[in-house]
Protein backbone atom coordinates (compact mmCIF):
# COMPACT_ATOMS: atom_id res chain seq x y z
CA MET A 1 5.92 -0.57 -15.06
CA HIS A 2 9.36 0.86 -14.62
CA GLN A 3 11.12 -0.34 -11.45
CA ARG A 4 12.87 2.43 -9.53
CA TRP A 5 16.34 1.60 -8.24
CA ARG A 6 18.55 3.36 -5.72
CA THR A 7 22.15 2.86 -4.66
CA SER A 8 22.50 0.98 -1.39
CA SER A 9 23.89 2.93 1.56
CA TYR A 10 26.48 0.14 1.83
CA SER A 11 27.89 0.94 -1.62
CA GLN A 12 31.13 2.83 -1.96
CA ASN A 13 32.25 5.14 -4.77
CA GLY A 14 34.66 2.47 -5.98
CA GLY A 15 33.66 -0.64 -7.91
CA ASN A 16 31.56 -2.16 -5.10
CA CYS A 17 28.13 -0.67 -5.84
CA VAL A 18 24.81 -2.35 -5.18
CA GLU A 19 21.41 -1.08 -6.27
CA VAL A 20 18.17 -2.04 -4.56
CA ALA A 21 14.52 -1.50 -5.44
CA ALA A 22 12.04 -0.26 -2.89
CA PRO A 23 9.75 -3.16 -1.95
CA TRP A 24 5.96 -3.04 -2.28
CA HIS A 25 3.94 -3.78 0.86
CA THR A 26 0.39 -5.09 1.00
CA SER A 27 -1.95 -2.80 2.89
CA SER A 28 -3.12 -4.10 6.28
CA TYR A 29 -6.68 -3.43 5.03
CA SER A 30 -6.25 -5.91 2.16
CA THR A 31 -7.31 -9.51 2.68
CA GLY A 32 -5.94 -12.56 0.91
CA GLY A 33 -7.88 -13.54 -2.20
CA ASP A 34 -10.11 -10.47 -2.01
CA ALA A 35 -10.50 -8.37 -5.14
CA ASN A 36 -9.82 -5.19 -3.09
CA CYS A 37 -6.07 -5.51 -2.56
CA VAL A 38 -3.78 -2.49 -2.41
CA GLU A 39 0.01 -2.29 -2.29
CA TYR A 40 2.15 0.70 -1.38
CA ARG A 41 5.75 1.77 -1.13
CA THR A 42 7.60 4.91 -0.16
CA GLU A 43 10.30 6.68 -2.11
CA ASN A 44 12.70 9.60 -1.72
CA GLY A 45 13.07 9.18 2.03
CA HIS A 46 9.30 8.79 2.53
CA GLU A 47 8.55 12.03 0.63
CA ARG A 48 6.43 10.10 -1.92
CA VAL A 49 3.91 7.28 -1.45
CA LEU A 50 3.12 5.05 -4.42
CA VAL A 51 -0.11 3.03 -4.38
CA ARG A 52 -1.25 0.33 -6.82
CA ASP A 53 -3.97 -2.28 -7.27
CA THR A 54 -2.51 -5.69 -6.47
CA GLN A 55 -4.81 -7.38 -8.99
CA HIS A 56 -3.74 -5.04 -11.83
CA ARG A 57 -0.09 -4.16 -11.19
CA GLN A 58 0.55 -3.75 -14.92
CA LEU A 59 -1.70 -0.65 -14.97
CA GLY A 60 0.82 1.35 -12.94
CA HIS A 61 0.43 3.26 -9.70
CA LEU A 62 -0.79 6.51 -8.16
CA ASP A 63 1.86 8.84 -6.74
CA PHE A 64 1.12 11.02 -3.67
CA GLY A 65 3.14 13.47 -1.63
CA ALA A 66 3.58 12.39 2.00
CA ALA A 67 1.38 15.21 3.37
CA THR A 68 -1.45 14.44 0.93
CA TRP A 69 -1.29 10.76 1.81
CA ALA A 70 -1.34 11.52 5.56
CA HIS A 71 -4.44 13.72 5.12
CA PHE A 72 -6.15 10.97 3.13
CA LEU A 73 -5.41 8.34 5.79
CA SER A 74 -6.72 10.66 8.52
CA ALA A 75 -9.97 11.13 6.57
CA VAL A 76 -10.31 7.35 6.15
CA ARG A 77 -9.80 6.78 9.87
CA ARG A 78 -12.53 9.34 10.61
CA SER A 79 -14.81 7.54 8.08
CA GLU A 80 -15.02 10.68 5.94
CA VAL A 81 -14.22 8.77 2.73
């Protein structure tokens, strides 16, 4: 999978530039050692949410818009999915 990098806000336009990758976070619904582990990260100022299977990271990720992701989470909380 291709790692996405962004320039640190501490970098200047001169020769002192640093790039950082957005970290992946394990979902609070995932449990250690369980086969149902999910990781997520946000990109573009939280406009996009990327989600992947922790057990199969090499298969890539799903990419959602922030509004779509928020609607999905609301449906999960209401036990609709």
